[in-house]
Amino acid sequence: MRRACLSLAQRLPAALETAPGAASQLGRVFTTSASTSAPVHPAEEVYNRQRQFINLGLRVPTVAPDTWVAPNAVVVGDVDLFDRTSVWYGCVLRGDLNHISVGSFSNIQDRSVLTAARSVPTGLPAATTIGRSVTIGQGCLLRSCTVEDESVIGDKSVLLEGSWVEKNAVLAPGSVLPPGRRIPSGQLWAGSPAKYVRDLTKDEKAEIPTLANAFFRVADAHADEFLPTSDAYEEAEALRKILKPQSALVEGSQLDKVEKAEL
């Protein structure tokens, strides 16, 4: 793939010289999608067309202004993200059948999936509820479960329907919490199925909210790279210097003139 891209980059200037109409044809590629007919400069175009937030009928995501969702994460349907939460790369929060809530200062780390069933046979709440200052590790699967405030779910853990993690509890990495199983407050559980290991010390409990806050500080640094005022325009300017002035990278106001000239 890398070799093909380099080869294409080397042949592009020559192709534009030999084919006068190629520049204008290429310019059409960099117009906006069907949502608008007005041409847009490529530097203003959306670089990642994946939709972060998807509405499903009346099920609409609600996101606090200071929440950070990674560009390739997907939030679907009835999902509430409260203040200063972070949803990391590759995560999916799918509230198509029931409600999902993520409390303030909590973080959902890379490639984790949160879903909610329409109903639970045990009669317990079918919604997925994540409390305040909760850390969900990488590659986890949570379905119709409840994680109370200041808890930690280790990497690649699975929480099934009706499972419950009380405040200041920790589930070790790679554990599976069966349906309806409950982890009491202040305990460490591990295994598949998860079982009691020991009680947490006072210092370990105090570190849980500190861990959650540390992740949001890292999320702030990532969020700065995806603002509209980031350095993405520099890459566009570099391409502008490589290609000829009449090529694809023309000003949006000039695209109409190019199309009229062809007619």
Protein backbone atom coordinates (compact mmCIF):
# COMPACT_ATOMS: atom_id res chain seq x y z
CA MET A 1 0.00 0.00 0.00
CA ARG A 2 2.80 2.42 0.87
CA ARG A 3 4.62 1.64 -2.39
CA ALA A 4 1.44 2.23 -4.40
CA CYS A 5 0.86 5.60 -2.72
CA LEU A 6 4.41 6.73 -3.44
CA SER A 7 4.07 5.68 -7.06
CA LEU A 8 0.80 7.60 -7.41
CA ALA A 9 2.32 10.72 -5.84
CA GLN A 10 5.20 10.63 -8.34
CA ARG A 11 2.94 10.24 -11.37
CA LEU A 12 0.33 12.85 -10.39
CA PRO A 13 2.21 16.01 -11.55
CA ALA A 14 3.06 14.38 -14.89
CA ALA A 15 -0.53 13.30 -15.38
CA LEU A 16 -1.75 16.84 -14.82
CA GLU A 17 0.68 18.17 -17.45
CA THR A 18 -0.37 15.67 -20.12
CA ALA A 19 -4.12 15.87 -19.43
CA PRO A 20 -5.37 19.47 -19.31
CA GLY A 21 -8.85 18.42 -18.21
CA ALA A 22 -7.58 16.21 -15.43
CA ALA A 23 -7.14 19.10 -13.02
CA SER A 24 -10.73 20.20 -13.30
CA GLN A 25 -11.98 16.62 -13.06
CA LEU A 26 -9.86 16.10 -9.98
CA GLY A 27 -11.17 19.34 -8.53
CA ARG A 28 -14.69 17.92 -8.56
CA VAL A 29 -13.56 15.13 -6.26
CA PHE A 30 -12.77 17.66 -3.54
CA THR A 31 -16.23 19.18 -3.45
CA THR A 32 -18.56 18.57 -0.56
CA SER A 33 -20.89 15.62 -0.21
CA ALA A 34 -24.53 15.54 -1.29
CA SER A 35 -25.56 17.52 1.79
CA THR A 36 -24.55 20.75 0.09
CA SER A 37 -23.95 21.87 -3.46
CA ALA A 38 -21.45 24.61 -2.62
CA PRO A 39 -17.82 23.74 -3.43
CA VAL A 40 -15.36 23.66 -0.55
CA HIS A 41 -11.60 24.04 -0.51
CA PRO A 42 -9.89 20.70 0.27
CA ALA A 43 -8.23 22.20 3.34
CA GLU A 44 -11.74 22.84 4.72
CA GLU A 45 -13.00 19.35 3.90
CA VAL A 46 -13.71 16.79 6.62
CA TYR A 47 -10.71 14.44 6.71
CA ASN A 48 -12.51 11.62 8.50
CA ARG A 49 -16.00 10.99 7.14
CA GLN A 50 -16.93 8.47 9.83
CA ARG A 51 -19.89 9.64 11.88
CA GLN A 52 -19.13 9.91 15.56
CA PHE A 53 -22.72 10.50 16.65
CA ILE A 54 -25.68 8.70 15.08
CA ASN A 55 -29.34 9.35 15.83
CA LEU A 56 -31.83 6.47 15.70
CA GLY A 57 -35.30 7.97 15.46
CA LEU A 58 -36.03 9.57 18.81
CA ARG A 59 -32.91 8.06 20.38
CA VAL A 60 -30.38 10.87 20.26
CA PRO A 61 -26.93 11.02 21.94
CA THR A 62 -26.48 13.74 24.56
CA VAL A 63 -22.90 14.90 25.02
CA ALA A 64 -21.52 17.49 27.46
CA PRO A 65 -19.46 20.29 25.88
CA ASP A 66 -16.22 19.26 27.58
CA THR A 67 -16.53 15.57 26.75
CA TRP A 68 -13.96 14.15 24.31
CA VAL A 69 -14.90 11.42 21.84
CA ALA A 70 -12.11 10.05 19.62
CA PRO A 71 -12.55 10.61 15.86
CA ASN A 72 -13.05 6.90 15.13
CA ALA A 73 -15.31 6.16 18.10
CA VAL A 74 -19.05 5.75 17.49
CA VAL A 75 -21.88 6.84 19.80
CA VAL A 76 -25.28 5.59 18.66
CA GLY A 77 -28.77 6.27 19.93
CA ASP A 78 -29.81 6.87 23.55
CA VAL A 79 -26.42 7.63 25.12
CA ASP A 80 -25.67 10.30 27.74
CA LEU A 81 -22.06 11.43 28.23
CA PHE A 82 -21.66 13.72 31.22
CA ASP A 83 -19.03 16.35 32.02
CA ARG A 84 -15.35 15.63 31.34
CA THR A 85 -15.80 12.06 30.14
CA SER A 86 -13.57 10.59 27.45
CA VAL A 87 -14.34 7.90 24.88
CA TRP A 88 -11.16 6.59 23.28
CA TYR A 89 -10.19 5.25 19.88
CA GLY A 90 -12.29 2.48 18.37
CA CYS A 91 -14.97 2.46 21.07
CA VAL A 92 -18.63 1.77 20.30
CA LEU A 93 -21.44 2.94 22.59
CA ARG A 94 -24.63 1.51 21.11
CA GLY A 95 -27.82 2.70 22.75
CA ASP A 96 -30.18 1.42 20.07
CA LEU A 97 -32.26 -0.86 22.33
CA ASN A 98 -31.91 0.82 25.72
CA HIS A 99 -30.26 3.68 27.57
CA ILE A 100 -26.50 4.06 28.21
CA SER A 101 -25.16 6.61 30.69
CA VAL A 102 -21.52 7.51 31.42
CA GLY A 103 -20.94 9.71 34.48
CA SER A 104 -18.60 12.66 34.91
CA PHE A 105 -14.82 12.14 34.83
CA SER A 106 -15.20 8.56 33.60
CA ASN A 107 -13.22 7.14 30.68
CA ILE A 108 -13.95 4.38 28.19
CA GLN A 109 -10.63 3.20 26.82
CA ASP A 110 -9.67 1.94 23.36
CA ARG A 111 -11.85 -0.63 21.55
CA SER A 112 -14.32 -1.10 24.40
CA VAL A 113 -17.97 -1.78 23.54
CA LEU A 114 -20.99 -0.73 25.62
CA THR A 115 -24.42 -2.04 24.66
CA ALA A 116 -27.80 -2.42 26.35
CA ALA A 117 -30.40 -5.14 25.87
CA ARG A 118 -34.08 -4.36 25.48
CA SER A 119 -34.83 -6.34 28.65
CA VAL A 120 -33.08 -8.65 31.11
CA PRO A 121 -34.65 -12.01 32.11
CA THR A 122 -33.54 -11.55 35.74
CA GLY A 123 -35.73 -8.44 36.08
CA LEU A 124 -32.75 -6.19 36.81
CA PRO A 125 -32.32 -2.87 34.95
CA ALA A 126 -31.53 -3.42 31.27
CA ALA A 127 -29.83 -0.06 30.83
CA THR A 128 -26.05 0.26 31.03
CA THR A 129 -25.03 2.75 33.72
CA ILE A 130 -21.47 3.92 34.37
CA GLY A 131 -21.00 6.11 37.43
CA ARG A 132 -18.65 8.98 38.21
CA SER A 133 -14.82 8.67 38.00
CA VAL A 134 -14.95 5.15 36.56
CA THR A 135 -12.14 3.69 34.44
CA ILE A 136 -13.13 1.12 31.82
CA GLY A 137 -10.00 -0.57 30.44
CA GLN A 138 -9.14 -1.44 26.86
CA GLY A 139 -11.10 -4.03 24.91
CA CYS A 140 -13.91 -4.46 27.45
CA LEU A 141 -17.49 -5.54 26.75
CA LEU A 142 -20.28 -4.20 28.97
CA ARG A 143 -23.90 -5.16 28.34
CA SER A 144 -26.86 -4.07 30.47
CA CYS A 145 -24.76 -3.72 33.61
CA THR A 146 -24.16 -1.12 36.33
CA VAL A 147 -20.77 0.20 37.47
CA GLU A 148 -21.03 2.55 40.43
CA ASP A 149 -18.83 5.57 41.20
CA GLU A 150 -15.04 5.33 41.52
CA SER A 151 -14.60 1.78 40.24
CA VAL A 152 -12.11 0.18 37.85
CA ILE A 153 -12.82 -2.43 35.16
CA GLY A 154 -9.60 -4.06 33.96
CA ASP A 155 -8.63 -4.55 30.31
CA LYS A 156 -10.54 -7.16 28.25
CA SER A 157 -13.12 -7.76 30.95
CA VAL A 158 -16.71 -8.78 30.22
CA LEU A 159 -19.73 -7.66 32.25
CA LEU A 160 -22.92 -9.49 31.26
CA GLU A 161 -26.60 -8.68 31.69
CA GLY A 162 -27.64 -7.66 35.19
CA SER A 163 -24.11 -7.67 36.65
CA TRP A 164 -23.34 -4.94 39.19
CA VAL A 165 -20.08 -3.39 40.41
CA GLU A 166 -20.46 -1.35 43.59
CA LYS A 167 -18.50 1.78 44.54
CA ASN A 168 -14.72 1.50 45.09
CA ALA A 169 -14.61 -2.01 43.60
CA VAL A 170 -12.05 -3.35 41.10
CA LEU A 171 -12.46 -6.08 38.49
CA ALA A 172 -9.09 -7.50 37.42
CA PRO A 173 -8.10 -7.61 33.71
CA GLY A 174 -9.49 -10.49 31.67
CA SER A 175 -12.29 -11.25 34.11
CA VAL A 176 -15.86 -12.26 33.25
CA LEU A 177 -18.69 -11.14 35.54
CA PRO A 178 -21.66 -13.49 34.92
CA PRO A 179 -25.27 -12.29 34.63
CA GLY A 180 -26.70 -11.08 37.91
CA ARG A 181 -23.38 -11.28 39.78
CA ARG A 182 -22.62 -8.39 42.16
CA ILE A 183 -19.21 -7.16 43.38
CA PRO A 184 -19.54 -5.58 46.85
CA SER A 185 -17.97 -2.22 47.59
CA GLY A 186 -14.25 -2.10 48.34
CA GLN A 187 -13.40 -5.56 46.97
CA LEU A 188 -11.11 -6.92 44.23
CA TRP A 189 -12.53 -9.70 42.06
CA ALA A 190 -10.81 -11.67 39.29
CA GLY A 191 -11.18 -14.72 37.10
CA SER A 192 -13.67 -16.28 34.68
CA PRO A 193 -16.14 -16.40 36.25
CA ALA A 194 -15.02 -13.62 38.56
CA LYS A 195 -14.58 -14.46 42.25
CA TYR A 196 -13.60 -12.60 45.38
CA VAL A 197 -9.83 -12.09 45.85
CA ARG A 198 -9.37 -9.60 48.70
CA ASP A 199 -10.44 -6.26 50.14
CA LEU A 200 -8.88 -3.08 48.79
CA THR A 201 -6.71 -0.97 51.07
CA LYS A 202 -7.54 2.63 51.88
CA ASP A 203 -4.71 3.86 49.61
CA GLU A 204 -5.96 1.76 46.70
CA LYS A 205 -9.44 3.23 47.03
CA ALA A 206 -8.02 6.76 47.08
CA GLU A 207 -6.12 6.11 43.82
CA ILE A 208 -9.23 5.26 41.81
CA PRO A 209 -10.53 8.84 41.22
CA THR A 210 -6.94 10.00 40.68
CA LEU A 211 -6.59 7.48 37.86
CA ALA A 212 -9.77 8.70 36.18
CA ASN A 213 -8.68 12.36 36.37
CA ALA A 214 -5.29 11.50 34.89
CA PHE A 215 -6.95 10.01 31.81
CA PHE A 216 -8.91 13.18 31.16
CA ARG A 217 -5.72 15.27 31.24
CA VAL A 218 -4.34 12.99 28.53
CA ALA A 219 -7.61 13.31 26.61
CA ASP A 220 -7.18 17.11 26.63
CA ALA A 221 -3.89 16.74 24.75
CA HIS A 222 -5.52 14.46 22.16
CA ALA A 223 -8.50 16.78 21.76
CA ASP A 224 -6.23 19.71 20.85
CA GLU A 225 -5.02 17.81 17.77
CA PHE A 226 -8.52 17.43 16.33
CA LEU A 227 -9.78 20.98 16.63
CA PRO A 228 -10.62 22.84 13.38
CA THR A 229 -7.65 25.13 14.11
CA SER A 230 -5.10 22.31 14.22
CA ASP A 231 -2.07 21.99 11.92
CA ALA A 232 -3.96 19.99 9.27
CA TYR A 233 -3.89 23.03 6.99
CA GLU A 234 -0.10 22.74 6.79
CA GLU A 235 -0.40 19.40 5.01
CA ALA A 236 -2.87 20.94 2.57
CA GLU A 237 -0.47 23.79 1.87
CA ALA A 238 2.35 21.31 1.22
CA LEU A 239 0.19 19.57 -1.38
CA ARG A 240 -0.65 22.93 -2.92
CA LYS A 241 3.05 23.57 -3.57
CA ILE A 242 3.54 20.13 -5.16
CA LEU A 243 0.60 20.40 -7.54
CA LYS A 244 0.17 23.09 -10.17
CA PRO A 245 -1.95 26.19 -9.42
CA GLN A 246 -4.70 24.96 -11.76
CA SER A 247 -4.85 21.51 -10.16
CA ALA A 248 -7.27 20.05 -7.64
CA LEU A 249 -6.13 22.29 -4.82
CA VAL A 250 -7.78 25.47 -6.04
CA GLU A 251 -9.69 27.94 -3.99
CA GLY A 252 -13.35 27.10 -3.40
CA SER A 253 -14.41 30.37 -5.00
CA GLN A 254 -12.57 29.39 -8.21
CA LEU A 255 -14.22 26.01 -8.66
CA ASP A 256 -17.36 27.57 -10.11
CA LYS A 257 -15.24 29.44 -12.66
CA VAL A 258 -13.48 26.21 -13.67
CA GLU A 259 -16.75 24.40 -14.26
CA LYS A 260 -18.21 27.30 -16.27
CA ALA A 261 -15.06 27.43 -18.41
CA GLU A 262 -15.53 23.78 -19.32
CA LEU A 263 -19.08 24.42 -20.44
